[in-house]
Amino acid sequence: MAVIALLIGFSFIIAVGFLAAFLWAVKSGQYDDKYTPSVRMLFDDNDTIK
């Protein structure tokens, strides 16, 4: 029974760690993509054709 309580405690700590990493990534601008890479292929890039 003590092992189950220990595993639940560790999983809670890991979940809080992942939440903190996600919030840090959002706050630092990791997901602020104004110019989506999936749309770049729709535009002509005349610099590569010479």
N, C-alpha and C. Protein backbone atom coordinates (compact mmCIF):
# COMPACT_ATOMS: atom_id res chain seq x y z
N MET A 1 0.82 -1.20 0.00
CA MET A 1 0.00 0.00 0.00
C MET A 1 0.86 1.26 0.00
N ALA A 2 1.98 1.19 0.71
CA ALA A 2 2.87 2.35 0.77
C ALA A 2 3.49 2.63 -0.59
N VAL A 3 3.70 1.56 -1.38
CA VAL A 3 4.28 1.74 -2.71
C VAL A 3 3.32 2.50 -3.61
N ILE A 4 2.04 2.23 -3.50
CA ILE A 4 1.04 2.93 -4.31
C ILE A 4 1.02 4.41 -3.95
N ALA A 5 1.07 4.73 -2.68
CA ALA A 5 1.10 6.13 -2.25
C ALA A 5 2.38 6.81 -2.74
N LEU A 6 3.49 6.10 -2.73
CA LEU A 6 4.75 6.65 -3.22
C LEU A 6 4.68 6.91 -4.73
N LEU A 7 4.13 5.97 -5.48
CA LEU A 7 4.00 6.15 -6.93
C LEU A 7 3.04 7.29 -7.28
N ILE A 8 1.98 7.43 -6.54
CA ILE A 8 1.05 8.54 -6.77
C ILE A 8 1.74 9.87 -6.48
N GLY A 9 2.53 9.91 -5.43
CA GLY A 9 3.27 11.13 -5.10
C GLY A 9 4.28 11.48 -6.19
N PHE A 10 5.04 10.48 -6.67
CA PHE A 10 5.99 10.74 -7.75
C PHE A 10 5.30 11.17 -9.03
N SER A 11 4.18 10.53 -9.36
CA SER A 11 3.47 10.91 -10.59
C SER A 11 2.91 12.33 -10.47
N PHE A 12 2.50 12.73 -9.29
CA PHE A 12 2.03 14.09 -9.09
C PHE A 12 3.17 15.09 -9.27
N ILE A 13 4.35 14.76 -8.75
CA ILE A 13 5.51 15.64 -8.91
C ILE A 13 5.90 15.76 -10.38
N ILE A 14 5.88 14.65 -11.10
CA ILE A 14 6.22 14.67 -12.53
C ILE A 14 5.18 15.48 -13.31
N ALA A 15 3.90 15.32 -12.97
CA ALA A 15 2.85 16.08 -13.65
C ALA A 15 3.01 17.58 -13.40
N VAL A 16 3.35 17.97 -12.19
CA VAL A 16 3.58 19.38 -11.89
C VAL A 16 4.80 19.89 -12.65
N GLY A 17 5.82 19.05 -12.78
CA GLY A 17 7.00 19.43 -13.56
C GLY A 17 6.67 19.67 -15.02
N PHE A 18 5.88 18.78 -15.62
CA PHE A 18 5.46 18.98 -17.01
C PHE A 18 4.59 20.22 -17.17
N LEU A 19 3.73 20.48 -16.21
CA LEU A 19 2.91 21.69 -16.26
C LEU A 19 3.77 22.93 -16.17
N ALA A 20 4.77 22.92 -15.30
CA ALA A 20 5.67 24.07 -15.17
C ALA A 20 6.47 24.27 -16.45
N ALA A 21 6.93 23.18 -17.08
CA ALA A 21 7.67 23.30 -18.34
C ALA A 21 6.79 23.84 -19.45
N PHE A 22 5.54 23.42 -19.49
CA PHE A 22 4.60 23.93 -20.50
C PHE A 22 4.33 25.41 -20.29
N LEU A 23 4.08 25.80 -19.06
CA LEU A 23 3.81 27.21 -18.79
C LEU A 23 5.03 28.07 -19.08
N TRP A 24 6.23 27.57 -18.80
CA TRP A 24 7.46 28.29 -19.12
C TRP A 24 7.59 28.46 -20.63
N ALA A 25 7.28 27.41 -21.40
CA ALA A 25 7.38 27.48 -22.85
C ALA A 25 6.38 28.48 -23.42
N VAL A 26 5.18 28.50 -22.88
CA VAL A 26 4.17 29.46 -23.35
C VAL A 26 4.59 30.88 -23.00
N LYS A 27 5.10 31.08 -21.80
CA LYS A 27 5.50 32.41 -21.37
C LYS A 27 6.71 32.94 -22.14
N SER A 28 7.62 32.04 -22.53
CA SER A 28 8.81 32.47 -23.24
C SER A 28 8.57 32.66 -24.74
N GLY A 29 7.37 32.39 -25.21
CA GLY A 29 7.04 32.64 -26.61
C GLY A 29 7.31 31.47 -27.52
N GLN A 30 7.40 30.28 -26.99
CA GLN A 30 7.68 29.10 -27.80
C GLN A 30 6.57 28.84 -28.81
N TYR A 31 5.34 29.18 -28.48
CA TYR A 31 4.21 28.87 -29.35
C TYR A 31 3.69 30.10 -30.09
N ASP A 32 4.43 31.20 -30.08
CA ASP A 32 4.02 32.40 -30.80
C ASP A 32 4.54 32.33 -32.22
N ASP A 33 3.81 31.67 -33.08
CA ASP A 33 4.23 31.50 -34.47
C ASP A 33 3.32 32.34 -35.34
N LYS A 34 3.80 33.51 -35.68
CA LYS A 34 2.99 34.42 -36.49
C LYS A 34 2.98 34.03 -37.96
N TYR A 35 4.04 33.37 -38.42
CA TYR A 35 4.18 33.01 -39.82
C TYR A 35 4.33 31.49 -39.90
N THR A 36 3.23 30.83 -39.97
CA THR A 36 3.18 29.38 -39.86
C THR A 36 4.02 28.70 -40.94
N PRO A 37 4.92 27.80 -40.54
CA PRO A 37 5.76 27.11 -41.52
C PRO A 37 4.98 26.27 -42.51
N SER A 38 3.80 25.80 -42.15
CA SER A 38 3.04 24.98 -43.08
C SER A 38 2.45 25.80 -44.23
N VAL A 39 2.44 27.12 -44.12
CA VAL A 39 1.90 27.97 -45.16
C VAL A 39 3.02 28.52 -46.06
N ARG A 40 4.26 28.40 -45.63
CA ARG A 40 5.38 28.96 -46.39
C ARG A 40 5.49 28.37 -47.79
N MET A 41 5.11 27.12 -47.96
CA MET A 41 5.25 26.49 -49.26
C MET A 41 4.25 27.04 -50.27
N LEU A 42 3.27 27.78 -49.83
CA LEU A 42 2.27 28.34 -50.75
C LEU A 42 2.77 29.61 -51.43
N PHE A 43 3.84 30.20 -50.92
CA PHE A 43 4.36 31.44 -51.47
C PHE A 43 5.58 31.15 -52.34
N ASP A 44 5.74 31.95 -53.40
CA ASP A 44 6.90 31.81 -54.26
C ASP A 44 8.14 32.36 -53.58
N ASP A 45 9.21 31.64 -53.72
CA ASP A 45 10.50 32.10 -53.21
C ASP A 45 11.41 32.28 -54.41
N ASN A 46 11.50 33.50 -54.91
CA ASN A 46 12.26 33.78 -56.12
C ASN A 46 13.75 33.79 -55.89
N ASP A 47 14.21 33.77 -54.67
CA ASP A 47 15.64 33.79 -54.38
C ASP A 47 16.31 32.47 -54.75
N THR A 48 15.55 31.36 -54.70
CA THR A 48 16.15 30.07 -54.98
C THR A 48 16.23 29.77 -56.48
N ILE A 49 15.44 30.46 -57.28
CA ILE A 49 15.45 30.22 -58.72
C ILE A 49 16.35 31.28 -59.37
N LYS A 50 17.49 30.85 -59.89
CA LYS A 50 18.42 31.79 -60.52
C LYS A 50 18.88 31.27 -61.85
